Amino acid sequence: MPSLYDRTTNLEETLAQFMQVSMSNQKSTESAIKNLEVQVGQLAKQLAERPSNSFTANTKKNPKEECKVVMTRSRMVG
């Protein structure tokens, strides 16, 4: 049967490992948050520089140049 000293030593080692992993995870999380902050800042800058009266979506002309009506069960036309 392990002595109280052995059990305490094992507990201290386990706690030290847990603290090390926790600190590593915290640093990783902080790094990810900083990267997200930079990306959000870049997006905000791009939005601020874009003219507010322009629609910048990529649109394509319908090659068939036709539309189809969809009739639902409730007879609503969409």
Protein backbone atom coordinates (compact mmCIF):
# COMPACT_ATOMS: atom_id res chain seq x y z
CA MET A 1 0.00 0.00 0.00
CA PRO A 2 1.43 3.40 -0.99
CA SER A 3 2.37 5.71 1.82
CA LEU A 4 0.82 9.11 2.41
CA TYR A 5 4.03 10.68 1.10
CA ASP A 6 3.81 8.68 -2.15
CA ARG A 7 0.16 9.59 -2.66
CA THR A 8 0.90 13.26 -1.96
CA THR A 9 3.80 13.22 -4.42
CA ASN A 10 1.60 11.62 -7.11
CA LEU A 11 -1.11 14.20 -6.46
CA GLU A 12 1.40 17.05 -6.74
CA GLU A 13 2.76 15.64 -10.01
CA THR A 14 -0.75 15.26 -11.42
CA LEU A 15 -1.64 18.79 -10.36
CA ALA A 16 1.54 20.16 -11.95
CA GLN A 17 0.74 18.38 -15.23
CA PHE A 18 -2.84 19.66 -15.15
CA MET A 19 -1.65 23.22 -14.55
CA GLN A 20 0.83 22.95 -17.42
CA VAL A 21 -1.83 21.69 -19.83
CA SER A 22 -4.27 24.36 -18.64
CA MET A 23 -1.73 27.14 -19.18
CA SER A 24 -0.91 25.81 -22.63
CA ASN A 25 -4.60 25.72 -23.53
CA GLN A 26 -5.05 29.27 -22.24
CA LYS A 27 -2.15 30.54 -24.37
CA SER A 28 -3.58 28.76 -27.40
CA THR A 29 -7.00 30.31 -26.78
CA GLU A 30 -5.49 33.78 -26.34
CA SER A 31 -3.59 33.38 -29.59
CA ALA A 32 -6.74 32.31 -31.45
CA ILE A 33 -8.67 35.28 -30.04
CA LYS A 34 -5.92 37.70 -31.13
CA ASN A 35 -6.01 36.22 -34.65
CA LEU A 36 -9.79 36.65 -34.75
CA GLU A 37 -9.45 40.25 -33.56
CA VAL A 38 -7.01 40.96 -36.39
CA GLN A 39 -9.33 39.37 -38.95
CA VAL A 40 -12.37 41.28 -37.69
CA GLY A 41 -10.34 44.48 -37.81
CA GLN A 42 -9.35 43.77 -41.41
CA LEU A 43 -12.99 43.10 -42.36
CA ALA A 44 -14.12 46.29 -40.64
CA LYS A 45 -11.49 48.28 -42.53
CA GLN A 46 -12.57 46.76 -45.85
CA LEU A 47 -16.22 47.57 -45.12
CA ALA A 48 -15.36 51.12 -44.14
CA GLU A 49 -13.40 51.66 -47.37
CA ARG A 50 -16.13 50.24 -49.60
CA PRO A 51 -18.51 52.74 -51.20
CA SER A 52 -21.83 52.55 -49.39
CA ASN A 53 -23.96 52.89 -52.53
CA SER A 54 -22.52 49.94 -54.45
CA PHE A 55 -23.61 46.33 -54.49
CA THR A 56 -20.47 44.23 -54.79
CA ALA A 57 -21.93 40.74 -55.06
CA ASN A 58 -20.79 38.56 -57.93
CA THR A 59 -23.85 38.15 -60.12
CA LYS A 60 -24.28 35.99 -63.21
CA LYS A 61 -26.82 36.27 -65.96
CA ASN A 62 -29.22 33.33 -66.16
CA PRO A 63 -28.04 31.48 -69.30
CA LYS A 64 -31.54 30.12 -69.95
CA GLU A 65 -33.13 33.57 -69.58
CA GLU A 66 -36.28 32.04 -68.20
CA CYS A 67 -37.96 31.66 -64.86
CA LYS A 68 -40.04 28.82 -63.52
CA VAL A 69 -43.01 29.12 -61.20
CA VAL A 70 -43.22 26.83 -58.22
CA MET A 71 -46.70 26.00 -56.97
CA THR A 72 -46.90 24.87 -53.36
CA ARG A 73 -49.59 22.67 -51.83
CA SER A 74 -51.24 25.74 -50.35
CA ARG A 75 -51.42 27.24 -53.88
CA MET A 76 -48.98 29.99 -53.00
CA VAL A 77 -46.94 31.05 -56.03
CA GLY A 78 -43.21 31.51 -55.38
